[in-house]
Amino acid sequence: MTHFSSQLAIGVPASIGAAMLLSGGTVLQALEARLVEHHHGLKPSMFGRLLVRRRWVLGTIIGYLAFPLQLLALAHAPLVVVQPLHACGLLLLLAAGVRLLSEHVHVPEALGAAAIAAGIAVISWAAPRGTDKPVNQVVFAVVAIGLLAVALIPYLVRRQRGRKALTLSAAIAFAAANMATKGISDRIAAHDYAIAFAYLVLAGAGSAIGVLSQMTAFQRHRAVEVVQLTFSIPTFLPALLGLAVLHERWATAVDGGFPFGVGIAVLIIATAVVSRSSPVARLSKEAGMVEP
């Protein structure tokens, strides 16, 4: 096995493990979101209400256990590989919907689940080898901070608190946190611990804003719509932004990167299908549509 293949052998499983922990934590968190009084939405007091609910706390702990695995993955594989692999978390949501709600898996979601598995296999096989090359840290930081600024709009502009605004706030905040996590990994590798800490603060802010916006959206709107956007955007947006600001090692990808690109496209389509499937939709409704 080559050096770069050995790197992916660590990065790919770590990324998949992180995705599974995040999805498992999200299910537990969502089950508690609508049990909090409506007037706490978009306020820090919402966390006080959630912190006394054991399942929400457990889900949060499980979700944050994904962080060291994500750092490990980013240290051994490019961002454009690590992020799309998070689509496998939908398989856990689908299985939970079937298990907890006695739902049946129909043809579309079965094909979508199979496509996610196939896409992951193709990406793992055809991915660019190694990690990202050095990047302009100023540009990277501006992108991450810019995403966080966009996520703050519903908190700064009262009229921008509708369904789409809340959901996009959560999704973009999580994307900012994912970008910042990449920054942490890079700066630790460069032994630049002060900047790594700054990225850690940014990742924490993105995660906190994302959770608050997402929980409020779960309270007020159809959870299936919230899940679809808050799962898809943080999964794929950082990878797309990475193509613009990172120097990916496309020369090391199989056949010039064509199979890898096909795998990414398959994952995007499959994610759209499975996230709207009956088991996932019903699980989301059970999690997010209980009357407060």
Protein backbone atom coordinates (compact mmCIF):
# COMPACT_ATOMS: atom_id res chain seq x y z
CA MET A 1 0.00 0.00 0.00
CA THR A 2 1.39 3.42 -0.94
CA HIS A 3 1.85 6.27 1.51
CA PHE A 4 -1.15 8.16 0.17
CA SER A 5 -3.33 5.02 0.18
CA SER A 6 -2.36 4.49 3.80
CA GLN A 7 -3.47 8.03 4.53
CA LEU A 8 -6.92 7.40 3.04
CA ALA A 9 -7.15 4.11 4.92
CA ILE A 10 -7.23 6.22 8.07
CA GLY A 11 -9.10 9.27 6.79
CA VAL A 12 -12.06 7.50 5.20
CA PRO A 13 -13.09 5.32 8.19
CA ALA A 14 -12.57 8.25 10.55
CA SER A 15 -14.85 10.43 8.42
CA ILE A 16 -17.55 7.76 8.26
CA GLY A 17 -17.33 7.24 12.03
CA ALA A 18 -17.71 10.97 12.62
CA ALA A 19 -20.76 11.08 10.35
CA MET A 20 -22.45 8.25 12.24
CA LEU A 21 -21.85 9.92 15.61
CA LEU A 22 -23.21 13.23 14.33
CA SER A 23 -26.37 11.64 12.95
CA GLY A 24 -26.97 9.59 16.08
CA GLY A 25 -26.61 12.67 18.23
CA THR A 26 -28.92 14.67 15.97
CA VAL A 27 -31.73 12.11 16.36
CA LEU A 28 -31.60 12.34 20.15
CA GLN A 29 -31.40 16.14 20.11
CA ALA A 30 -34.33 16.49 17.74
CA LEU A 31 -36.54 14.30 19.93
CA GLU A 32 -36.39 17.00 22.61
CA ALA A 33 -36.50 20.20 20.55
CA ARG A 34 -40.26 20.79 20.46
CA LEU A 35 -40.71 20.09 24.15
CA VAL A 36 -39.21 23.50 24.87
CA GLU A 37 -41.61 26.46 25.14
CA HIS A 38 -41.96 28.41 21.92
CA HIS A 39 -40.88 31.80 23.33
CA HIS A 40 -37.35 30.49 24.01
CA GLY A 41 -36.61 30.18 20.29
CA LEU A 42 -33.53 32.10 19.08
CA LYS A 43 -32.58 32.89 22.69
CA PRO A 44 -29.75 31.52 24.87
CA SER A 45 -32.42 30.50 27.41
CA MET A 46 -33.31 27.70 25.01
CA PHE A 47 -30.07 25.96 25.94
CA GLY A 48 -31.01 26.17 29.61
CA ARG A 49 -34.24 24.32 28.87
CA LEU A 50 -32.51 21.73 26.71
CA LEU A 51 -29.66 21.08 29.14
CA VAL A 52 -32.08 19.59 31.69
CA ARG A 53 -33.29 17.01 29.17
CA ARG A 54 -31.15 13.90 29.35
CA ARG A 55 -31.66 12.72 25.80
CA TRP A 56 -30.66 16.12 24.41
CA VAL A 57 -27.53 16.17 26.57
CA LEU A 58 -26.66 12.62 25.52
CA GLY A 59 -27.19 13.50 21.88
CA THR A 60 -24.94 16.54 22.26
CA ILE A 61 -22.19 14.46 23.86
CA ILE A 62 -22.42 11.84 21.10
CA GLY A 63 -22.31 14.56 18.45
CA TYR A 64 -19.23 16.22 19.89
CA LEU A 65 -17.43 12.87 20.12
CA ALA A 66 -17.33 13.15 16.33
CA PHE A 67 -14.97 16.14 16.58
CA PRO A 68 -11.71 14.26 17.25
CA LEU A 69 -12.60 11.76 14.54
CA GLN A 70 -13.20 14.63 12.12
CA LEU A 71 -9.80 16.11 12.95
CA LEU A 72 -8.22 12.71 12.36
CA ALA A 73 -9.99 12.37 9.02
CA LEU A 74 -8.92 15.84 7.84
CA ALA A 75 -5.34 15.13 8.84
CA HIS A 76 -5.27 12.14 6.48
CA ALA A 77 -7.63 13.00 3.61
CA PRO A 78 -8.61 16.12 1.61
CA LEU A 79 -11.63 18.17 2.65
CA VAL A 80 -13.34 17.34 -0.66
CA VAL A 81 -13.17 13.66 0.37
CA VAL A 82 -14.03 13.98 4.05
CA GLN A 83 -17.15 16.15 3.73
CA PRO A 84 -19.14 14.16 1.12
CA LEU A 85 -18.61 10.99 3.14
CA HIS A 86 -20.87 12.49 5.80
CA ALA A 87 -23.78 11.50 3.56
CA CYS A 88 -23.52 8.04 5.08
CA GLY A 89 -25.11 9.48 8.21
CA LEU A 90 -28.41 9.41 6.35
CA LEU A 91 -28.23 5.63 6.38
CA LEU A 92 -28.40 5.75 10.17
CA LEU A 93 -31.39 8.10 10.05
CA LEU A 94 -33.11 5.80 7.58
CA ALA A 95 -32.46 2.76 9.75
CA ALA A 96 -33.71 4.62 12.83
CA GLY A 97 -36.91 5.54 11.02
CA VAL A 98 -37.51 1.91 10.10
CA ARG A 99 -36.61 0.57 13.52
CA LEU A 100 -38.39 3.10 15.74
CA LEU A 101 -41.48 3.72 13.62
CA SER A 102 -41.95 0.32 11.96
CA GLU A 103 -41.75 2.02 8.58
CA HIS A 104 -41.12 0.10 5.38
CA VAL A 105 -38.29 0.92 3.01
CA HIS A 106 -39.73 1.52 -0.45
CA VAL A 107 -37.97 1.46 -3.80
CA PRO A 108 -36.83 5.13 -3.96
CA GLU A 109 -35.18 5.16 -0.53
CA ALA A 110 -33.75 1.67 -1.07
CA LEU A 111 -32.16 2.85 -4.30
CA GLY A 112 -31.01 6.03 -2.58
CA ALA A 113 -29.41 4.10 0.26
CA ALA A 114 -27.69 1.79 -2.22
CA ALA A 115 -26.51 4.84 -4.18
CA ILE A 116 -25.04 6.38 -1.02
CA ALA A 117 -23.15 3.17 -0.32
CA ALA A 118 -21.98 3.00 -3.93
CA GLY A 119 -20.98 6.68 -3.94
CA ILE A 120 -18.95 6.22 -0.77
CA ALA A 121 -17.21 3.20 -2.30
CA VAL A 122 -16.35 5.12 -5.48
CA ILE A 123 -15.09 8.17 -3.58
CA SER A 124 -12.95 6.01 -1.30
CA TRP A 125 -11.42 4.23 -4.29
CA ALA A 126 -10.99 7.17 -6.68
CA ALA A 127 -10.24 10.02 -4.27
CA PRO A 128 -7.23 12.31 -4.53
CA ARG A 129 -4.46 10.84 -2.38
CA GLY A 130 -3.01 12.68 0.59
CA THR A 131 -4.25 15.81 2.32
CA ASP A 132 -4.70 19.32 0.96
CA LYS A 133 -1.70 21.38 -0.08
CA PRO A 134 -0.89 24.61 1.81
CA VAL A 135 -3.60 27.25 1.41
CA ASN A 136 -3.75 31.02 1.80
CA GLN A 137 -4.86 31.22 5.43
CA VAL A 138 -6.29 34.73 5.05
CA VAL A 139 -8.60 33.62 2.23
CA PHE A 140 -9.60 30.48 4.10
CA ALA A 141 -10.35 32.43 7.30
CA VAL A 142 -12.39 35.04 5.39
CA VAL A 143 -14.53 32.28 3.84
CA ALA A 144 -15.19 30.62 7.21
CA ILE A 145 -15.95 33.92 8.98
CA GLY A 146 -18.13 35.03 6.06
CA LEU A 147 -20.26 31.92 6.40
CA LEU A 148 -20.70 32.56 10.11
CA ALA A 149 -21.72 36.16 9.40
CA VAL A 150 -24.42 34.98 6.98
CA ALA A 151 -25.70 32.52 9.61
CA LEU A 152 -26.15 35.41 12.06
CA ILE A 153 -28.61 37.31 9.84
CA PRO A 154 -31.81 36.00 11.56
CA TYR A 155 -30.41 37.22 14.89
CA LEU A 156 -29.65 40.69 13.54
CA VAL A 157 -32.62 41.25 11.22
CA ARG A 158 -35.94 40.41 12.90
CA ARG A 159 -37.91 40.10 9.67
CA GLN A 160 -35.48 37.39 8.48
CA ARG A 161 -36.78 34.71 10.86
CA GLY A 162 -38.98 32.75 8.51
CA ARG A 163 -38.72 29.04 7.75
CA LYS A 164 -36.04 29.35 5.08
CA ALA A 165 -34.01 31.92 6.99
CA LEU A 166 -33.88 29.83 10.17
CA THR A 167 -33.06 26.63 8.34
CA LEU A 168 -30.39 28.26 6.19
CA SER A 169 -28.93 29.92 9.28
CA ALA A 170 -28.47 26.51 10.89
CA ALA A 171 -27.11 24.88 7.73
CA ILE A 172 -24.61 27.65 6.96
CA ALA A 173 -23.49 27.87 10.60
CA PHE A 174 -22.73 24.14 10.57
CA ALA A 175 -20.88 24.59 7.27
CA ALA A 176 -18.80 27.36 8.88
CA ALA A 177 -18.00 25.03 11.77
CA ASN A 178 -16.89 22.35 9.31
CA MET A 179 -14.64 24.82 7.49
CA ALA A 180 -13.17 25.95 10.82
CA THR A 181 -12.51 22.33 11.78
CA LYS A 182 -10.43 22.01 8.63
CA GLY A 183 -8.52 25.10 9.74
CA ILE A 184 -7.89 23.53 13.15
CA SER A 185 -6.51 20.38 11.54
CA ASP A 186 -4.19 22.32 9.24
CA ARG A 187 -2.87 24.62 11.96
CA ILE A 188 -2.22 21.74 14.35
CA ALA A 189 -0.23 20.00 11.61
CA ALA A 190 1.76 23.23 11.15
CA HIS A 191 2.26 23.56 14.95
CA ASP A 192 0.51 26.94 14.81
CA TYR A 193 -1.53 26.42 17.95
CA ALA A 194 -2.62 30.03 18.46
CA ILE A 195 -4.39 30.13 15.09
CA ALA A 196 -5.72 26.61 15.70
CA PHE A 197 -7.33 27.89 18.90
CA ALA A 198 -8.86 30.82 17.00
CA TYR A 199 -10.38 28.34 14.54
CA LEU A 200 -11.63 26.30 17.51
CA VAL A 201 -13.48 29.37 18.81
CA LEU A 202 -14.94 29.91 15.34
CA ALA A 203 -16.01 26.25 15.12
CA GLY A 204 -17.64 26.49 18.55
CA ALA A 205 -19.52 29.64 17.58
CA GLY A 206 -20.71 28.04 14.34
CA SER A 207 -21.85 24.93 16.15
CA ALA A 208 -23.70 26.89 18.85
CA ILE A 209 -25.48 29.14 16.34
CA GLY A 210 -26.30 26.12 14.19
CA VAL A 211 -27.81 24.20 17.11
CA LEU A 212 -29.88 27.18 18.28
CA SER A 213 -31.21 27.94 14.79
CA GLN A 214 -31.88 24.27 14.06
CA MET A 215 -33.71 23.63 17.32
CA THR A 216 -35.86 26.74 16.77
CA ALA A 217 -36.60 25.63 13.23
CA PHE A 218 -37.62 22.20 14.55
CA GLN A 219 -40.07 23.92 16.86
CA ARG A 220 -41.72 26.09 14.24
CA HIS A 221 -41.59 24.25 10.93
CA ARG A 222 -41.88 20.88 9.24
CA ALA A 223 -38.88 18.93 10.45
CA VAL A 224 -38.40 17.12 7.13
CA GLU A 225 -37.55 20.43 5.47
CA VAL A 226 -35.19 21.37 8.28
CA VAL A 227 -33.39 18.02 8.14
CA GLN A 228 -32.96 18.07 4.38
CA LEU A 229 -31.20 21.44 4.26
CA THR A 230 -29.29 21.19 7.53
CA PHE A 231 -27.91 17.82 6.43
CA SER A 232 -27.14 18.53 2.79
CA ILE A 233 -25.63 22.02 2.95
CA PRO A 234 -23.04 21.36 5.71
CA THR A 235 -22.10 18.12 3.94
CA PHE A 236 -21.43 19.48 0.46
CA LEU A 237 -20.95 23.26 0.72
CA PRO A 238 -17.54 23.05 2.47
CA ALA A 239 -16.34 20.63 -0.20
CA LEU A 240 -17.44 22.99 -2.98
CA LEU A 241 -15.84 25.96 -1.25
CA GLY A 242 -12.73 23.86 -0.75
CA LEU A 243 -12.41 23.51 -4.49
CA ALA A 244 -12.20 27.30 -4.70
CA VAL A 245 -9.78 28.03 -1.84
CA LEU A 246 -7.82 24.80 -1.40
CA HIS A 247 -5.28 23.27 -3.75
CA GLU A 248 -6.62 19.74 -4.05
CA ARG A 249 -4.36 16.98 -5.32
CA TRP A 250 -6.46 16.19 -8.40
CA ALA A 251 -3.41 14.82 -10.23
CA THR A 252 -3.40 11.91 -7.79
CA ALA A 253 -7.07 11.02 -8.29
CA VAL A 254 -7.98 7.98 -10.39
CA ASP A 255 -8.39 8.79 -14.14
CA GLY A 256 -7.97 12.52 -13.63
CA GLY A 257 -10.76 12.72 -11.07
CA PHE A 258 -13.67 11.71 -13.34
CA PRO A 259 -14.80 8.68 -11.26
CA PHE A 260 -14.45 10.78 -8.12
CA GLY A 261 -16.66 13.50 -9.61
CA VAL A 262 -19.26 10.89 -10.56
CA GLY A 263 -19.21 9.57 -7.00
CA ILE A 264 -19.82 13.08 -5.63
CA ALA A 265 -22.73 13.62 -8.04
CA VAL A 266 -24.27 10.28 -7.02
CA LEU A 267 -24.01 11.21 -3.35
CA ILE A 268 -25.66 14.59 -3.89
CA ILE A 269 -28.63 13.04 -5.73
CA ALA A 270 -28.94 10.15 -3.29
CA THR A 271 -28.84 12.53 -0.33
CA ALA A 272 -31.74 14.51 -1.80
CA VAL A 273 -33.77 11.31 -2.27
CA VAL A 274 -33.11 9.65 1.10
CA SER A 275 -33.53 12.84 3.13
CA ARG A 276 -37.14 13.06 1.87
CA SER A 277 -37.90 9.36 2.21
CA SER A 278 -40.85 8.18 4.30
CA PRO A 279 -38.86 6.69 7.22
CA VAL A 280 -36.62 9.74 7.52
CA ALA A 281 -39.58 12.12 7.14
CA ARG A 282 -41.67 10.33 9.77
CA LEU A 283 -38.74 10.15 12.17
CA SER A 284 -38.21 13.87 11.68
CA LYS A 285 -41.88 14.58 12.38
CA GLU A 286 -41.81 12.47 15.54
CA ALA A 287 -38.65 14.29 16.57
CA GLY A 288 -39.66 17.82 15.71
CA MET A 289 -43.44 18.23 15.63
CA VAL A 290 -44.52 17.48 19.20
CA GLU A 291 -46.65 20.34 20.54
CA PRO A 292 -44.86 22.37 23.25
